[in-house]
PDB file of all heavy atoms in Angstrom:
ATOM      1  N   LYS A   1       0.837  -1.209   0.000  1.00  0.00           N
ATOM      2  CA  LYS A   1       0.000   0.000   0.000  1.00  0.00           C
ATOM      3  C   LYS A   1       0.867   1.252   0.000  1.00  0.00           C
ATOM      4  O   LYS A   1       0.540   2.247  -0.646  1.00  0.00           O
ATOM      5  CB  LYS A   1      -0.950   0.003   1.198  1.00  0.00           C
ATOM      6  CG  LYS A   1      -1.915  -1.158   1.207  1.00  0.00           C
ATOM      7  CD  LYS A   1      -2.847  -1.099   0.024  1.00  0.00           C
ATOM      8  CE  LYS A   1      -3.870  -2.220   0.093  1.00  0.00           C
ATOM      9  NZ  LYS A   1      -4.757  -2.222  -1.057  1.00  0.00           N
ATOM     10  N   ILE A   2       1.989   1.225   0.725  1.00  0.00           N
ATOM     11  CA  ILE A   2       2.906   2.362   0.721  1.00  0.00           C
ATOM     12  C   ILE A   2       3.486   2.543  -0.680  1.00  0.00           C
ATOM     13  O   ILE A   2       3.592   3.671  -1.179  1.00  0.00           O
ATOM     14  CB  ILE A   2       4.015   2.191   1.779  1.00  0.00           C
ATOM     15  CG1 ILE A   2       3.409   2.294   3.182  1.00  0.00           C
ATOM     16  CG2 ILE A   2       5.121   3.231   1.579  1.00  0.00           C
ATOM     17  CD1 ILE A   2       4.384   2.020   4.311  1.00  0.00           C
ATOM     18  N   GLN A   3       3.832   1.455  -1.352  1.00  0.00           N
ATOM     19  CA  GLN A   3       4.354   1.553  -2.719  1.00  0.00           C
ATOM     20  C   GLN A   3       3.308   2.132  -3.666  1.00  0.00           C
ATOM     21  O   GLN A   3       3.639   2.919  -4.564  1.00  0.00           O
ATOM     22  CB  GLN A   3       4.828   0.182  -3.214  1.00  0.00           C
ATOM     23  CG  GLN A   3       6.056  -0.326  -2.509  1.00  0.00           C
ATOM     24  CD  GLN A   3       7.205   0.658  -2.534  1.00  0.00           C
ATOM     25  OE1 GLN A   3       7.540   1.220  -3.575  1.00  0.00           O
ATOM     26  NE2 GLN A   3       7.819   0.894  -1.390  1.00  0.00           N
ATOM     27  N   GLU A   4       2.053   1.783  -3.451  1.00  0.00           N
ATOM     28  CA  GLU A   4       0.975   2.349  -4.264  1.00  0.00           C
ATOM     29  C   GLU A   4       0.870   3.857  -4.022  1.00  0.00           C
ATOM     30  O   GLU A   4       0.711   4.642  -4.965  1.00  0.00           O
ATOM     31  CB  GLU A   4      -0.347   1.647  -3.949  1.00  0.00           C
ATOM     32  CG  GLU A   4      -1.465   2.015  -4.883  1.00  0.00           C
ATOM     33  CD  GLU A   4      -2.718   1.186  -4.660  1.00  0.00           C
ATOM     34  OE1 GLU A   4      -2.635   0.077  -4.104  1.00  0.00           O
ATOM     35  OE2 GLU A   4      -3.795   1.676  -5.052  1.00  0.00           O
ATOM     36  N   LEU A   5       0.973   4.276  -2.762  1.00  0.00           N
ATOM     37  CA  LEU A   5       0.947   5.708  -2.453  1.00  0.00           C
ATOM     38  C   LEU A   5       2.129   6.414  -3.118  1.00  0.00           C
ATOM     39  O   LEU A   5       1.961   7.489  -3.702  1.00  0.00           O
ATOM     40  CB  LEU A   5       0.981   5.945  -0.936  1.00  0.00           C
ATOM     41  CG  LEU A   5       1.042   7.414  -0.515  1.00  0.00           C
ATOM     42  CD1 LEU A   5      -0.245   8.142  -0.900  1.00  0.00           C
ATOM     43  CD2 LEU A   5       1.307   7.543   0.974  1.00  0.00           C
ATOM     44  N   ILE A   6       3.305   5.830  -3.045  1.00  0.00           N
ATOM     45  CA  ILE A   6       4.493   6.444  -3.652  1.00  0.00           C
ATOM     46  C   ILE A   6       4.291   6.643  -5.154  1.00  0.00           C
ATOM     47  O   ILE A   6       4.668   7.682  -5.706  1.00  0.00           O
ATOM     48  CB  ILE A   6       5.750   5.612  -3.336  1.00  0.00           C
ATOM     49  CG1 ILE A   6       6.081   5.736  -1.841  1.00  0.00           C
ATOM     50  CG2 ILE A   6       6.931   6.050  -4.206  1.00  0.00           C
ATOM     51  CD1 ILE A   6       7.149   4.778  -1.352  1.00  0.00           C
ATOM     52  N   ARG A   7       3.669   5.703  -5.825  1.00  0.00           N
ATOM     53  CA  ARG A   7       3.372   5.873  -7.256  1.00  0.00           C
ATOM     54  C   ARG A   7       2.485   7.093  -7.474  1.00  0.00           C
ATOM     55  O   ARG A   7       2.695   7.874  -8.408  1.00  0.00           O
ATOM     56  CB  ARG A   7       2.729   4.612  -7.829  1.00  0.00           C
ATOM     57  CG  ARG A   7       3.715   3.471  -8.045  1.00  0.00           C
ATOM     58  CD  ARG A   7       3.109   2.335  -8.834  1.00  0.00           C
ATOM     59  NE  ARG A   7       2.054   1.619  -8.123  1.00  0.00           N
ATOM     60  CZ  ARG A   7       2.267   0.629  -7.264  1.00  0.00           C
ATOM     61  NH1 ARG A   7       3.494   0.234  -6.993  1.00  0.00           N
ATOM     62  NH2 ARG A   7       1.257   0.029  -6.671  1.00  0.00           N
ATOM     63  N   GLU A   8       1.472   7.265  -6.604  1.00  0.00           N
ATOM     64  CA  GLU A   8       0.577   8.418  -6.710  1.00  0.00           C
ATOM     65  C   GLU A   8       1.306   9.729  -6.409  1.00  0.00           C
ATOM     66  O   GLU A   8       1.004  10.763  -7.008  1.00  0.00           O
ATOM     67  CB  GLU A   8      -0.620   8.259  -5.770  1.00  0.00           C
ATOM     68  CG  GLU A   8      -1.554   7.132  -6.136  1.00  0.00           C
ATOM     69  CD  GLU A   8      -2.262   7.352  -7.460  1.00  0.00           C
ATOM     70  OE1 GLU A   8      -2.503   8.516  -7.849  1.00  0.00           O
ATOM     71  OE2 GLU A   8      -2.566   6.340  -8.119  1.00  0.00           O
ATOM     72  N   LEU A   9       2.263   9.693  -5.481  1.00  0.00           N
ATOM     73  CA  LEU A   9       3.002  10.900  -5.117  1.00  0.00           C
ATOM     74  C   LEU A   9       3.772  11.455  -6.309  1.00  0.00           C
ATOM     75  O   LEU A   9       3.951  12.664  -6.423  1.00  0.00           O
ATOM     76  CB  LEU A   9       3.969  10.622  -3.963  1.00  0.00           C
ATOM     77  CG  LEU A   9       3.354  10.200  -2.638  1.00  0.00           C
ATOM     78  CD1 LEU A   9       4.451   9.916  -1.622  1.00  0.00           C
ATOM     79  CD2 LEU A   9       2.394  11.251  -2.115  1.00  0.00           C
ATOM     80  N   HIS A  10       4.222  10.591  -7.193  1.00  0.00           N
ATOM     81  CA  HIS A  10       4.934  11.036  -8.392  1.00  0.00           C
ATOM     82  C   HIS A  10       4.018  11.815  -9.333  1.00  0.00           C
ATOM     83  O   HIS A  10       4.491  12.658 -10.096  1.00  0.00           O
ATOM     84  CB  HIS A  10       5.520   9.839  -9.148  1.00  0.00           C
ATOM     85  CG  HIS A  10       6.758   9.284  -8.532  1.00  0.00           C
ATOM     86  ND1 HIS A  10       8.005   9.798  -8.759  1.00  0.00           N
ATOM     87  CD2 HIS A  10       6.928   8.243  -7.687  1.00  0.00           C
ATOM     88  CE1 HIS A  10       8.899   9.107  -8.085  1.00  0.00           C
ATOM     89  NE2 HIS A  10       8.275   8.153  -7.414  1.00  0.00           N
ATOM     90  N   ILE A  11       2.733  11.550  -9.261  1.00  0.00           N
ATOM     91  CA  ILE A  11       1.756  12.206 -10.134  1.00  0.00           C
ATOM     92  C   ILE A  11       1.263  13.501  -9.498  1.00  0.00           C
ATOM     93  O   ILE A  11       1.339  14.565 -10.097  1.00  0.00           O
ATOM     94  CB  ILE A  11       0.575  11.261 -10.434  1.00  0.00           C
ATOM     95  CG1 ILE A  11       1.089   9.995 -11.135  1.00  0.00           C
ATOM     96  CG2 ILE A  11      -0.490  11.962 -11.260  1.00  0.00           C
ATOM     97  CD1 ILE A  11       0.097   8.863 -11.174  1.00  0.00           C
ATOM     98  N   GLY A  12       0.737  13.406  -8.276  1.00  0.00           N
ATOM     99  CA  GLY A  12       0.214  14.572  -7.569  1.00  0.00           C
ATOM    100  C   GLY A  12      -1.082  15.079  -8.165  1.00  0.00           C
ATOM    101  O   GLY A  12      -1.579  14.541  -9.155  1.00  0.00           O
ATOM    102  N   PRO A  13      -1.627  16.139  -7.557  1.00  0.00           N
ATOM    103  CA  PRO A  13      -2.853  16.740  -8.077  1.00  0.00           C
ATOM    104  C   PRO A  13      -2.555  17.513  -9.363  1.00  0.00           C
ATOM    105  O   PRO A  13      -1.382  17.773  -9.683  1.00  0.00           O
ATOM    106  CB  PRO A  13      -3.302  17.666  -6.940  1.00  0.00           C
ATOM    107  CG  PRO A  13      -2.042  18.020  -6.234  1.00  0.00           C
ATOM    108  CD  PRO A  13      -1.159  16.811  -6.338  1.00  0.00           C
ATOM    109  N   PRO A  14      -3.597  17.913 -10.102  1.00  0.00           N
ATOM    110  CA  PRO A  14      -3.393  18.536 -11.416  1.00  0.00           C
ATOM    111  C   PRO A  14      -2.442  19.745 -11.459  1.00  0.00           C
ATOM    112  O   PRO A  14      -1.686  19.883 -12.406  1.00  0.00           O
ATOM    113  CB  PRO A  14      -4.803  18.942 -11.836  1.00  0.00           C
ATOM    114  CG  PRO A  14      -5.696  17.995 -11.111  1.00  0.00           C
ATOM    115  CD  PRO A  14      -5.007  17.715  -9.799  1.00  0.00           C
ATOM    116  N   ARG A  15      -2.451  20.607 -10.459  1.00  0.00           N
ATOM    117  CA  ARG A  15      -1.627  21.826 -10.508  1.00  0.00           C
ATOM    118  C   ARG A  15      -0.207  21.612  -9.984  1.00  0.00           C
ATOM    119  O   ARG A  15       0.616  22.510 -10.064  1.00  0.00           O
ATOM    120  CB  ARG A  15      -2.315  22.943  -9.726  1.00  0.00           C
ATOM    121  CG  ARG A  15      -3.605  23.395 -10.393  1.00  0.00           C
ATOM    122  CD  ARG A  15      -4.360  24.492  -9.676  1.00  0.00           C
ATOM    123  NE  ARG A  15      -3.552  25.321  -8.826  1.00  0.00           N
ATOM    124  CZ  ARG A  15      -3.905  25.759  -7.635  1.00  0.00           C
ATOM    125  NH1 ARG A  15      -5.090  25.438  -7.151  1.00  0.00           N
ATOM    126  NH2 ARG A  15      -3.115  26.514  -6.911  1.00  0.00           N
ATOM    127  N   ALA A  16       0.092  20.441  -9.461  1.00  0.00           N
ATOM    128  CA  ALA A  16       1.431  20.167  -8.920  1.00  0.00           C
ATOM    129  C   ALA A  16       2.405  19.825 -10.039  1.00  0.00           C
ATOM    130  O   ALA A  16       2.005  19.345 -11.105  1.00  0.00           O
ATOM    131  CB  ALA A  16       1.368  19.019  -7.920  1.00  0.00           C
ATOM    132  N   GLU A  17       3.673  20.098  -9.768  1.00  0.00           N
ATOM    133  CA  GLU A  17       4.762  19.686 -10.663  1.00  0.00           C
ATOM    134  C   GLU A  17       5.804  19.002  -9.794  1.00  0.00           C
ATOM    135  O   GLU A  17       6.614  19.664  -9.147  1.00  0.00           O
ATOM    136  CB  GLU A  17       5.360  20.887 -11.376  1.00  0.00           C
ATOM    137  CG  GLU A  17       4.401  21.560 -12.338  1.00  0.00           C
ATOM    138  CD  GLU A  17       4.962  22.828 -12.957  1.00  0.00           C
ATOM    139  OE1 GLU A  17       6.170  23.082 -12.840  1.00  0.00           O
ATOM    140  OE2 GLU A  17       4.168  23.568 -13.544  1.00  0.00           O
ATOM    141  N   VAL A  18       5.748  17.690  -9.747  1.00  0.00           N
ATOM    142  CA  VAL A  18       6.633  16.911  -8.885  1.00  0.00           C
ATOM    143  C   VAL A  18       7.977  16.714  -9.588  1.00  0.00           C
ATOM    144  O   VAL A  18       8.029  16.205 -10.711  1.00  0.00           O
ATOM    145  CB  VAL A  18       6.000  15.546  -8.540  1.00  0.00           C
ATOM    146  CG1 VAL A  18       6.949  14.710  -7.706  1.00  0.00           C
ATOM    147  CG2 VAL A  18       4.667  15.748  -7.825  1.00  0.00           C
ATOM    148  N   ASP A  19       9.051  17.139  -8.914  1.00  0.00           N
ATOM    149  CA  ASP A  19      10.398  16.921  -9.440  1.00  0.00           C
ATOM    150  C   ASP A  19      10.963  15.597  -8.948  1.00  0.00           C
ATOM    151  O   ASP A  19      11.438  14.790  -9.735  1.00  0.00           O
ATOM    152  CB  ASP A  19      11.346  18.052  -9.031  1.00  0.00           C
ATOM    153  CG  ASP A  19      11.014  19.368  -9.715  1.00  0.00           C
ATOM    154  OD1 ASP A  19      10.398  19.355 -10.807  1.00  0.00           O
ATOM    155  OD2 ASP A  19      11.364  20.420  -9.150  1.00  0.00           O
ATOM    156  N   LYS A  20      10.923  15.388  -7.628  1.00  0.00           N
ATOM    157  CA  LYS A  20      11.496  14.174  -7.034  1.00  0.00           C
ATOM    158  C   LYS A  20      10.620  13.672  -5.898  1.00  0.00           C
ATOM    159  O   LYS A  20      10.018  14.461  -5.176  1.00  0.00           O
ATOM    160  CB  LYS A  20      12.881  14.447  -6.451  1.00  0.00           C
ATOM    161  CG  LYS A  20      13.944  14.783  -7.442  1.00  0.00           C
ATOM    162  CD  LYS A  20      15.262  15.003  -6.713  1.00  0.00           C
ATOM    163  CE  LYS A  20      16.314  15.569  -7.632  1.00  0.00           C
ATOM    164  NZ  LYS A  20      17.519  15.943  -6.901  1.00  0.00           N
ATOM    165  N   VAL A  21      10.616  12.364  -5.730  1.00  0.00           N
ATOM    166  CA  VAL A  21      10.022  11.711  -4.563  1.00  0.00           C
ATOM    167  C   VAL A  21      11.155  10.890  -3.956  1.00  0.00           C
ATOM    168  O   VAL A  21      11.592   9.904  -4.535  1.00  0.00           O
ATOM    169  CB  VAL A  21       8.828  10.809  -4.951  1.00  0.00           C
ATOM    170  CG1 VAL A  21       8.304  10.068  -3.733  1.00  0.00           C
ATOM    171  CG2 VAL A  21       7.729  11.635  -5.606  1.00  0.00           C
ATOM    172  N   ILE A  22      11.641  11.353  -2.812  1.00  0.00           N
ATOM    173  CA  ILE A  22      12.808  10.747  -2.175  1.00  0.00           C
ATOM    174  C   ILE A  22      12.339   9.914  -0.984  1.00  0.00           C
ATOM    175  O   ILE A  22      11.806  10.448  -0.021  1.00  0.00           O
ATOM    176  CB  ILE A  22      13.795  11.839  -1.719  1.00  0.00           C
ATOM    177  CG1 ILE A  22      14.189  12.707  -2.924  1.00  0.00           C
ATOM    178  CG2 ILE A  22      15.010  11.222  -1.045  1.00  0.00           C
ATOM    179  CD1 ILE A  22      14.800  14.037  -2.544  1.00  0.00           C
ATOM    180  N   VAL A  23      12.551   8.614  -1.056  1.00  0.00           N
ATOM    181  CA  VAL A  23      12.133   7.686  -0.001  1.00  0.00           C
ATOM    182  C   VAL A  23      13.381   7.257   0.765  1.00  0.00           C
ATOM    183  O   VAL A  23      14.341   6.769   0.171  1.00  0.00           O
ATOM    184  CB  VAL A  23      11.420   6.458  -0.592  1.00  0.00           C
ATOM    185  CG1 VAL A  23      10.964   5.521   0.508  1.00  0.00           C
ATOM    186  CG2 VAL A  23      10.254   6.894  -1.471  1.00  0.00           C
ATOM    187  N   THR A  24      13.350   7.434   2.072  1.00  0.00           N
ATOM    188  CA  THR A  24      14.493   7.033   2.893  1.00  0.00           C
ATOM    189  C   THR A  24      14.312   5.609   3.400  1.00  0.00           C
ATOM    190  O   THR A  24      13.280   4.976   3.164  1.00  0.00           O
ATOM    191  CB  THR A  24      14.664   7.979   4.098  1.00  0.00           C
ATOM    192  OG1 THR A  24      13.512   7.886   4.924  1.00  0.00           O
ATOM    193  CG2 THR A  24      14.860   9.418   3.648  1.00  0.00           C
ATOM    194  N   SER A  25      15.296   5.135   4.099  1.00  0.00           N
ATOM    195  CA  SER A  25      15.228   3.800   4.693  1.00  0.00           C
ATOM    196  C   SER A  25      14.030   3.701   5.634  1.00  0.00           C
ATOM    197  O   SER A  25      13.606   4.705   6.208  1.00  0.00           O
ATOM    198  CB  SER A  25      16.499   3.514   5.480  1.00  0.00           C
ATOM    199  OG  SER A  25      17.608   3.556   4.628  1.00  0.00           O
ATOM    200  N   PRO A  26      13.504   2.505   5.815  1.00  0.00           N
ATOM    201  CA  PRO A  26      12.373   2.334   6.741  1.00  0.00           C
ATOM    202  C   PRO A  26      12.706   2.839   8.148  1.00  0.00           C
ATOM    203  O   PRO A  26      13.839   2.756   8.602  1.00  0.00           O
ATOM    204  CB  PRO A  26      12.139   0.829   6.746  1.00  0.00           C
ATOM    205  CG  PRO A  26      12.694   0.360   5.448  1.00  0.00           C
ATOM    206  CD  PRO A  26      13.870   1.257   5.157  1.00  0.00           C
ATOM    207  N   LEU A  27      11.685   3.381   8.801  1.00  0.00           N
ATOM    208  CA  LEU A  27      11.795   3.897  10.165  1.00  0.00           C
ATOM    209  C   LEU A  27      11.103   2.951  11.134  1.00  0.00           C
ATOM    210  O   LEU A  27      10.342   2.067  10.731  1.00  0.00           O
ATOM    211  CB  LEU A  27      11.132   5.279  10.247  1.00  0.00           C
ATOM    212  CG  LEU A  27      11.636   6.349   9.288  1.00  0.00           C
ATOM    213  CD1 LEU A  27      10.727   7.563   9.342  1.00  0.00           C
ATOM    214  CD2 LEU A  27      13.064   6.722   9.606  1.00  0.00           C
ATOM    215  N   ALA A  28      11.311   3.181  12.419  1.00  0.00           N
ATOM    216  CA  ALA A  28      10.621   2.400  13.449  1.00  0.00           C
ATOM    217  C   ALA A  28       9.132   2.750  13.438  1.00  0.00           C
ATOM    218  O   ALA A  28       8.758   3.923  13.293  1.00  0.00           O
ATOM    219  CB  ALA A  28      11.213   2.699  14.824  1.00  0.00           C
ATOM    220  N   LEU A  29       8.300   1.754  13.566  1.00  0.00           N
ATOM    221  CA  LEU A  29       6.850   1.972  13.604  1.00  0.00           C
ATOM    222  C   LEU A  29       6.458   2.773  14.836  1.00  0.00           C
ATOM    223  O   LEU A  29       6.985   2.547  15.928  1.00  0.00           O
ATOM    224  CB  LEU A  29       6.112   0.637  13.618  1.00  0.00           C
ATOM    225  CG  LEU A  29       6.061  -0.124  12.302  1.00  0.00           C
ATOM    226  CD1 LEU A  29       5.537  -1.528  12.535  1.00  0.00           C
ATOM    227  CD2 LEU A  29       5.206   0.603  11.299  1.00  0.00           C
ATOM    228  N   LEU A  30       5.513   3.694  14.658  1.00  0.00           N
ATOM    229  CA  LEU A  30       4.941   4.448  15.782  1.00  0.00           C
ATOM    230  C   LEU A  30       3.507   4.021  16.052  1.00  0.00           C
ATOM    231  O   LEU A  30       2.902   4.472  16.998  1.00  0.00           O
ATOM    232  CB  LEU A  30       4.990   5.956  15.496  1.00  0.00           C
ATOM    233  CG  LEU A  30       6.378   6.568  15.336  1.00  0.00           C
ATOM    234  CD1 LEU A  30       6.258   8.065  15.057  1.00  0.00           C
ATOM    235  CD2 LEU A  30       7.234   6.320  16.556  1.00  0.00           C
ATOM    236  N   TYR A  31       2.954   3.199  15.186  1.00  0.00           N
ATOM    237  CA  TYR A  31       1.577   2.699  15.312  1.00  0.00           C
ATOM    238  C   TYR A  31       0.569   3.833  15.395  1.00  0.00           C
ATOM    239  O   TYR A  31      -0.315   3.846  16.241  1.00  0.00           O
ATOM    240  CB  TYR A  31       1.459   1.728  16.495  1.00  0.00           C
ATOM    241  CG  TYR A  31       2.378   0.542  16.323  1.00  0.00           C
ATOM    242  CD1 TYR A  31       3.607   0.492  16.973  1.00  0.00           C
ATOM    243  CD2 TYR A  31       2.028  -0.501  15.471  1.00  0.00           C
ATOM    244  CE1 TYR A  31       4.467  -0.589  16.782  1.00  0.00           C
ATOM    245  CE2 TYR A  31       2.880  -1.574  15.278  1.00  0.00           C
ATOM    246  CZ  TYR A  31       4.095  -1.612  15.937  1.00  0.00           C
ATOM    247  OH  TYR A  31       4.941  -2.672  15.752  1.00  0.00           O
TER     248      TYR A  31
END
């Protein structure tokens, strides 16, 4: 599901212009 969100982040809403989506290493869960 996170990977699906990341795909959407590259697109963004109509007026956005996304240059980069930078994903860091996994973090500790906060629940």
